[in-house]
């Protein structure tokens, strides 16, 4: 029955069905068909239009205009929280210039920039219907401030906020962990669905990943009005090394090659050992709908299945740093899909702002 539906209908059914099936399969050998087009880095201390370029934690591409957008996770500590537009020369034979073309502060409903520490921007997406921007903020457990998904005009003007399910609110004994909240957002089904993921396990759902075991994060599917159609558990890998590190979902992306799947960017960091960054193909079909479960702790659920697409440590890159953003770029003449990734340098001279372009069949 699903095969007879349109691609948009297929993803709506696949993501919202919540039918039980077998438990999540373990990661397998990555499939063939991923190659590196190139990488570019911005020198430490790069400035643009009186702003410090850094903290790039999300990116997206607008096929209509050929324009890229990046979001900085500056909490208005250097300059006002902001986005950047860019032109990137992506070709089948390599990655050319990466040129910033503009920057805009993200604005509050009163038209003013956010004050220091008011928001922590993380992900940005072009809305395929309105061509405005949707962006996530992680929230703050100390203030407290709930995570959010907001919309903005291309010039940063405030356009609205999407209501989130109650289990994502910052409460004393439940909700996202501090600094492990909404880093991920993607559109699906032609823009009729918004899918978000918390970086790590919710407080009520269990302990975060460690070197011995992984953990379950929650992936939420909503319509444009904010109504939740499904919520699924995603199995985050164990931390790759000992030393007090962590692992979590840094970004998600609807898979334009298969509308029933998502790409999930898992990013881990361990002091002294560095970063591990992996991209998985994740399939929600057959996963339990957990939106009505108050806790996943000690509860048997069928999580999303996943398969390794690319481990950045095996691609011969100059470095694997704090990669946080992933987006599809232009389709190549070879028929391959461009997959772009960006790293957040945390405004630190010890880290790098790196753009990576892959070609994926």
Protein backbone atom coordinates (compact mmCIF):
# COMPACT_ATOMS: atom_id res chain seq x y z
CA UNK A 1 0.00 0.00 0.00
CA UNK A 2 2.75 2.46 0.89
CA UNK A 3 4.52 1.88 -2.44
CA UNK A 4 1.53 3.31 -4.28
CA UNK A 5 1.68 6.62 -2.40
CA UNK A 6 3.50 9.77 -3.42
CA UNK A 7 6.95 10.44 -1.84
CA UNK A 8 5.42 13.06 0.47
CA UNK A 9 2.70 10.67 1.62
CA UNK A 10 5.21 7.85 2.07
CA UNK A 11 7.32 9.79 4.54
CA UNK A 12 4.27 10.97 6.44
CA UNK A 13 3.11 7.38 6.83
CA UNK A 14 6.58 6.05 7.58
CA UNK A 15 7.34 8.63 10.25
CA UNK A 16 3.95 8.71 11.91
CA UNK A 17 2.89 5.06 11.87
CA UNK A 18 4.70 3.96 15.03
CA UNK A 19 4.22 0.23 14.36
CA UNK A 20 6.18 -2.35 16.36
CA UNK A 21 8.93 -4.36 14.68
CA UNK A 22 12.27 -5.89 15.55
CA UNK A 23 14.79 -4.01 17.71
CA UNK A 24 17.28 -1.65 16.15
CA UNK A 25 19.91 -3.35 14.02
CA UNK A 26 23.54 -2.74 14.89
CA UNK A 27 25.59 -0.44 12.64
CA UNK A 28 26.98 -2.29 9.63
CA UNK A 29 29.82 -1.75 7.18
CA UNK A 30 29.21 1.57 5.41
CA UNK A 31 27.76 1.18 1.93
CA UNK A 32 29.80 2.17 -1.09
CA UNK A 33 29.06 5.41 -2.86
CA UNK A 34 30.50 8.15 -0.61
CA UNK A 35 33.45 10.22 -1.80
CA UNK A 36 35.08 13.43 -0.61
CA UNK A 37 34.70 16.40 -2.93
CA UNK A 38 36.87 18.64 -0.78
CA UNK A 39 37.24 20.65 2.40
CA UNK A 40 37.78 24.32 3.16
CA UNK A 41 38.69 26.05 6.41
CA UNK A 42 38.36 29.64 7.57
CA UNK A 43 41.43 31.04 9.36
CA UNK A 44 41.15 31.71 13.07
CA UNK A 45 40.05 35.28 13.68
CA UNK A 46 38.15 35.65 10.39
CA UNK A 47 35.79 38.62 10.53
CA UNK A 48 32.96 39.59 8.20
CA UNK A 49 30.90 42.79 8.26
CA UNK A 50 32.07 43.61 11.79
CA UNK A 51 31.30 40.15 13.18
CA UNK A 52 33.53 37.33 14.38
CA UNK A 53 32.98 34.31 12.16
CA UNK A 54 32.78 31.25 14.39
CA UNK A 55 30.49 28.87 16.20
CA UNK A 56 28.95 27.68 12.91
CA UNK A 57 26.67 24.94 14.17
CA UNK A 58 24.18 24.53 11.32
CA UNK A 59 23.84 25.09 7.59
CA UNK A 60 21.33 24.65 4.79
CA UNK A 61 20.99 25.14 1.03
CA UNK A 62 18.14 26.80 -0.89
CA UNK A 63 17.97 25.20 -4.34
CA UNK A 64 15.66 27.96 -5.57
CA UNK A 65 18.22 30.73 -5.04
CA UNK A 66 21.44 28.69 -4.94
CA UNK A 67 22.20 30.33 -1.60
CA UNK A 68 23.59 28.73 1.56
CA UNK A 69 22.82 29.80 5.11
CA UNK A 70 24.86 29.18 8.28
CA UNK A 71 23.87 29.84 11.88
CA UNK A 72 26.32 30.83 14.60
CA UNK A 73 25.77 29.60 18.14
CA UNK A 74 27.10 32.87 19.52
CA UNK A 75 24.86 33.65 22.50
CA UNK A 76 25.33 37.35 21.74
CA UNK A 77 28.60 37.17 23.67
CA UNK A 78 30.73 38.35 20.74
CA UNK A 79 28.08 40.00 18.58
CA UNK A 80 24.30 39.50 18.41
CA UNK A 81 23.12 35.94 17.64
CA UNK A 82 23.10 35.74 13.85
CA UNK A 83 23.08 33.91 10.53
CA UNK A 84 25.39 34.15 7.52
CA UNK A 85 24.60 33.68 3.85
CA UNK A 86 27.19 32.27 1.48
CA UNK A 87 27.98 31.14 -2.03
CA UNK A 88 29.81 27.82 -2.31
CA UNK A 89 31.27 26.45 -5.51
CA UNK A 90 30.43 22.73 -5.41
CA UNK A 91 31.43 20.73 -8.48
CA UNK A 92 31.57 17.05 -9.35
CA UNK A 93 35.36 17.33 -9.51
CA UNK A 94 35.87 19.20 -6.25
CA UNK A 95 34.96 21.95 -3.82
CA UNK A 96 35.75 25.49 -4.92
CA UNK A 97 35.44 28.81 -3.14
CA UNK A 98 33.45 29.37 0.04
CA UNK A 99 32.44 33.04 0.10
CA UNK A 100 30.31 34.74 2.76
CA UNK A 101 27.82 37.18 1.22
CA UNK A 102 25.84 38.58 4.16
CA UNK A 103 25.01 38.38 7.85
CA UNK A 104 21.82 39.15 9.77
CA UNK A 105 21.11 39.27 13.51
CA UNK A 106 18.29 37.05 14.72
CA UNK A 107 15.61 39.31 16.18
CA UNK A 108 13.09 39.08 19.00
CA UNK A 109 9.37 39.79 18.48
CA UNK A 110 10.05 43.44 19.41
CA UNK A 111 12.51 43.73 16.51
CA UNK A 112 15.61 43.93 18.71
CA UNK A 113 18.58 41.51 18.76
CA UNK A 114 18.69 38.95 21.55
CA UNK A 115 20.67 40.12 24.59
CA UNK A 116 23.65 38.18 25.90
CA UNK A 117 22.87 34.57 26.89
CA UNK A 118 19.19 34.90 25.92
CA UNK A 119 19.32 32.16 23.23
CA UNK A 120 21.71 29.43 22.11
CA UNK A 121 21.11 29.00 18.33
CA UNK A 122 22.02 25.58 16.93
CA UNK A 123 20.24 24.49 13.72
CA UNK A 124 18.90 26.40 10.72
CA UNK A 125 16.75 25.26 7.79
CA UNK A 126 15.16 26.97 4.81
CA UNK A 127 11.39 26.47 4.92
CA UNK A 128 10.61 24.83 1.54
CA UNK A 129 7.17 26.48 1.47
CA UNK A 130 7.69 30.02 2.77
CA UNK A 131 11.46 30.24 2.06
CA UNK A 132 11.85 31.79 5.48
CA UNK A 133 14.18 30.28 8.08
CA UNK A 134 13.45 27.89 10.93
CA UNK A 135 16.03 27.69 13.70
CA UNK A 136 16.42 25.93 17.01
CA UNK A 137 17.61 27.20 20.38
CA UNK A 138 18.77 24.76 23.04
CA UNK A 139 17.28 26.43 26.07
CA UNK A 140 18.97 26.71 29.44
CA UNK A 141 18.38 24.63 32.54
CA UNK A 142 19.82 27.26 34.90
CA UNK A 143 17.46 30.15 34.00
CA UNK A 144 15.39 28.03 33.17
CA UNK A 145 14.46 28.50 29.51
CA UNK A 146 12.83 25.84 27.36
CA UNK A 147 14.28 24.79 24.00
CA UNK A 148 12.49 26.26 21.01
CA UNK A 149 11.96 26.13 17.26
CA UNK A 150 11.51 29.64 15.87
CA UNK A 151 10.96 31.08 12.41
CA UNK A 152 12.63 34.14 10.96
CA UNK A 153 12.57 36.19 7.80
CA UNK A 154 15.74 35.99 5.68
CA UNK A 155 16.84 39.28 7.29
CA UNK A 156 16.44 37.80 10.79
CA UNK A 157 13.06 39.31 11.63
CA UNK A 158 10.99 37.24 14.08
CA UNK A 159 8.11 35.34 12.45
CA UNK A 160 6.88 32.91 15.10
CA UNK A 161 7.57 29.92 17.32
CA UNK A 162 6.47 26.29 17.04
CA UNK A 163 4.84 24.76 20.14
CA UNK A 164 6.81 21.77 21.42
CA UNK A 165 5.57 18.65 23.24
CA UNK A 166 5.51 18.93 27.05
CA UNK A 167 8.19 16.27 27.52
CA UNK A 168 10.76 18.62 25.94
CA UNK A 169 10.20 21.33 28.55
CA UNK A 170 12.94 22.07 31.11
CA UNK A 171 11.48 20.79 34.39
CA UNK A 172 13.38 19.98 37.61
CA UNK A 173 13.28 16.20 37.08
CA UNK A 174 12.48 15.85 33.39
CA UNK A 175 13.20 17.26 29.95
CA UNK A 176 16.48 17.78 28.10
CA UNK A 177 19.83 17.86 29.86
CA UNK A 178 21.58 21.20 29.90
CA UNK A 179 23.44 21.85 26.62
CA UNK A 180 22.12 18.54 25.21
CA UNK A 181 18.81 19.70 23.85
CA UNK A 182 17.48 20.71 20.42
CA UNK A 183 20.48 20.81 18.09
CA UNK A 184 18.59 19.15 15.24
CA UNK A 185 15.79 20.08 12.84
CA UNK A 186 14.73 19.09 9.34
CA UNK A 187 11.71 19.43 7.05
CA UNK A 188 10.08 16.38 5.48
CA UNK A 189 7.14 15.53 3.24
CA UNK A 190 7.58 18.64 1.11
CA UNK A 191 7.61 20.92 4.13
CA UNK A 192 4.43 19.59 5.78
CA UNK A 193 6.40 17.94 8.60
CA UNK A 194 9.11 19.25 10.93
CA UNK A 195 11.32 16.69 12.63
CA UNK A 196 13.54 17.52 15.58
CA UNK A 197 15.78 15.51 17.89
CA UNK A 198 17.26 16.09 21.32
CA UNK A 199 21.00 15.63 21.42
CA UNK A 200 21.02 13.15 24.32
CA UNK A 201 18.63 11.17 26.47
CA UNK A 202 16.01 13.11 28.42
CA UNK A 203 16.42 13.19 32.20
CA UNK A 204 13.42 10.91 32.68
CA UNK A 205 14.59 8.41 30.05
CA UNK A 206 17.88 7.18 31.56
CA UNK A 207 21.56 7.93 31.67
CA UNK A 208 23.47 9.50 28.74
CA UNK A 209 25.88 7.40 26.64
CA UNK A 210 29.16 6.23 28.15
CA UNK A 211 31.94 3.92 26.88
CA UNK A 212 29.99 0.81 27.95
CA UNK A 213 26.54 1.59 26.58
CA UNK A 214 24.60 3.84 24.30
CA UNK A 215 21.37 5.65 25.08
CA UNK A 216 18.00 6.52 23.61
CA UNK A 217 17.27 10.00 22.36
CA UNK A 218 13.85 11.16 21.16
CA UNK A 219 13.00 12.20 17.60
CA UNK A 220 9.77 14.21 17.33
CA UNK A 221 7.59 14.55 14.22
CA UNK A 222 5.24 17.57 14.08
CA UNK A 223 3.08 19.28 11.50
CA UNK A 224 3.47 22.95 10.69
CA UNK A 225 1.03 23.93 13.45
CA UNK A 226 3.04 22.00 16.03
CA UNK A 227 0.76 18.97 16.40
CA UNK A 228 2.82 15.89 17.23
CA UNK A 229 2.18 12.97 14.91
CA UNK A 230 4.88 10.66 16.32
CA UNK A 231 7.89 10.47 18.58
CA UNK A 232 10.50 7.73 18.21
CA UNK A 233 13.52 6.54 20.18
CA UNK A 234 16.84 6.78 18.38
CA UNK A 235 19.78 4.64 19.65
CA UNK A 236 22.86 6.82 20.15
CA UNK A 237 26.21 4.99 20.06
CA UNK A 238 28.35 4.48 23.16
CA UNK A 239 31.16 7.02 23.66
CA UNK A 240 34.14 5.86 21.57
CA UNK A 241 36.78 6.19 24.31
CA UNK A 242 37.19 6.59 28.05
CA UNK A 243 37.97 9.95 29.57
CA UNK A 244 34.76 11.72 30.50
CA UNK A 245 33.43 12.39 27.01
CA UNK A 246 29.98 12.33 25.48
CA UNK A 247 28.11 11.46 22.30
CA UNK A 248 24.87 12.76 20.87
CA UNK A 249 22.81 13.85 17.87
CA UNK A 250 24.28 17.05 16.43
CA UNK A 251 22.01 17.25 13.37
CA UNK A 252 19.32 15.37 11.45
CA UNK A 253 18.35 15.63 7.80
CA UNK A 254 15.53 14.17 5.73
CA UNK A 255 17.13 11.79 3.22
CA UNK A 256 16.37 13.16 -0.24
CA UNK A 257 17.37 9.80 -1.77
CA UNK A 258 14.69 7.92 0.21
CA UNK A 259 11.80 9.91 1.76
CA UNK A 260 11.20 7.25 4.43
CA UNK A 261 14.64 7.77 6.04
CA UNK A 262 16.61 10.35 7.95
CA UNK A 263 20.31 11.05 8.10
CA UNK A 264 21.57 11.41 11.67
CA UNK A 265 24.88 13.09 12.51
CA UNK A 266 26.34 11.68 15.72
CA UNK A 267 29.16 13.76 17.17
CA UNK A 268 31.29 12.57 20.11
CA UNK A 269 34.10 14.27 22.01
CA UNK A 270 36.49 12.84 24.59
CA UNK A 271 39.19 15.06 26.18
CA UNK A 272 42.59 13.88 25.02
CA UNK A 273 41.12 11.59 22.36
CA UNK A 274 39.42 14.14 20.12
CA UNK A 275 36.22 13.85 18.09
CA UNK A 276 34.33 11.02 16.45
CA UNK A 277 31.77 12.00 13.81
CA UNK A 278 29.53 9.51 12.06
CA UNK A 279 26.60 9.89 9.67
CA UNK A 280 23.89 7.22 9.88
CA UNK A 281 20.91 6.38 7.70
CA UNK A 282 18.04 5.99 10.17
CA UNK A 283 14.74 4.27 9.43
CA UNK A 284 11.72 5.02 11.67
CA UNK A 285 9.49 2.41 10.02
CA UNK A 286 8.44 -0.08 12.66
CA UNK A 287 9.77 2.02 15.54
CA UNK A 288 7.57 2.40 18.61
CA UNK A 289 5.67 5.67 18.94
CA UNK A 290 6.87 6.81 22.38
CA UNK A 291 5.16 10.21 22.61
CA UNK A 292 2.80 9.01 25.35
CA UNK A 293 5.48 7.20 27.38
CA UNK A 294 6.45 9.27 30.40
CA UNK A 295 9.82 7.52 30.59
CA UNK A 296 11.88 5.13 28.48
CA UNK A 297 13.82 3.96 31.53
CA UNK A 298 13.28 0.22 31.91
CA UNK A 299 10.70 0.24 29.12
CA UNK A 300 10.94 -2.08 26.12
CA UNK A 301 10.55 -0.14 22.88
CA UNK A 302 11.58 -0.76 19.29
CA UNK A 303 13.93 2.12 18.40
CA UNK A 304 14.71 3.41 14.95
CA UNK A 305 17.01 1.18 12.91
CA UNK A 306 20.23 2.67 11.63
CA UNK A 307 23.04 1.92 9.20
CA UNK A 308 26.40 3.65 8.95
CA UNK A 309 26.75 5.88 5.90
CA UNK A 310 30.09 7.55 6.65
CA UNK A 311 32.65 7.67 9.47
CA UNK A 312 34.57 10.91 8.95
CA UNK A 313 37.71 9.41 10.47
CA UNK A 314 37.94 7.07 7.48
CA UNK A 315 37.62 9.68 4.73
CA UNK A 316 41.17 11.03 4.72
CA UNK A 317 40.24 14.52 5.92
CA UNK A 318 42.89 16.87 7.29
CA UNK A 319 41.12 16.83 10.66
CA UNK A 320 37.88 15.70 12.27
CA UNK A 321 36.79 18.52 14.52
CA UNK A 322 33.53 19.52 16.20
CA UNK A 323 31.24 18.87 13.20
CA UNK A 324 27.69 19.94 14.08
CA UNK A 325 25.84 20.74 10.84
CA UNK A 326 24.79 18.70 7.83
CA UNK A 327 22.78 19.65 4.72
CA UNK A 328 22.10 18.56 1.17
CA UNK A 329 23.60 20.75 -1.52
CA UNK A 330 23.07 20.91 -5.29
CA UNK A 331 22.61 17.72 -7.30
CA UNK A 332 25.73 16.96 -9.33
CA UNK A 333 25.80 16.22 -13.09
CA UNK A 334 27.01 12.71 -12.18
CA UNK A 335 23.65 12.06 -10.51
CA UNK A 336 25.29 12.12 -7.08
CA UNK A 337 23.92 14.15 -4.18
CA UNK A 338 26.07 16.77 -2.45
CA UNK A 339 26.24 16.40 1.32
CA UNK A 340 27.85 19.33 3.16
CA UNK A 341 29.04 19.41 6.79
CA UNK A 342 30.35 22.26 8.92
CA UNK A 343 32.31 22.35 12.18
CA UNK A 344 31.78 24.67 15.14
CA UNK A 345 35.10 26.06 16.39
CA UNK A 346 33.59 27.14 19.73
CA UNK A 347 35.31 30.50 19.15
CA UNK A 348 38.55 28.79 20.17
CA UNK A 349 41.92 29.12 18.38
CA UNK A 350 42.53 25.44 19.19
CA UNK A 351 39.64 24.40 16.92
CA UNK A 352 38.71 25.01 13.30
CA UNK A 353 35.83 26.24 11.16
CA UNK A 354 35.74 23.58 8.47
CA UNK A 355 33.41 22.99 5.53
CA UNK A 356 33.36 19.44 4.11
CA UNK A 357 31.61 18.41 0.90
CA UNK A 358 30.81 14.78 0.09
CA UNK A 359 29.26 13.21 -2.99
CA UNK A 360 26.73 10.50 -2.13
CA UNK A 361 25.02 8.07 -4.47
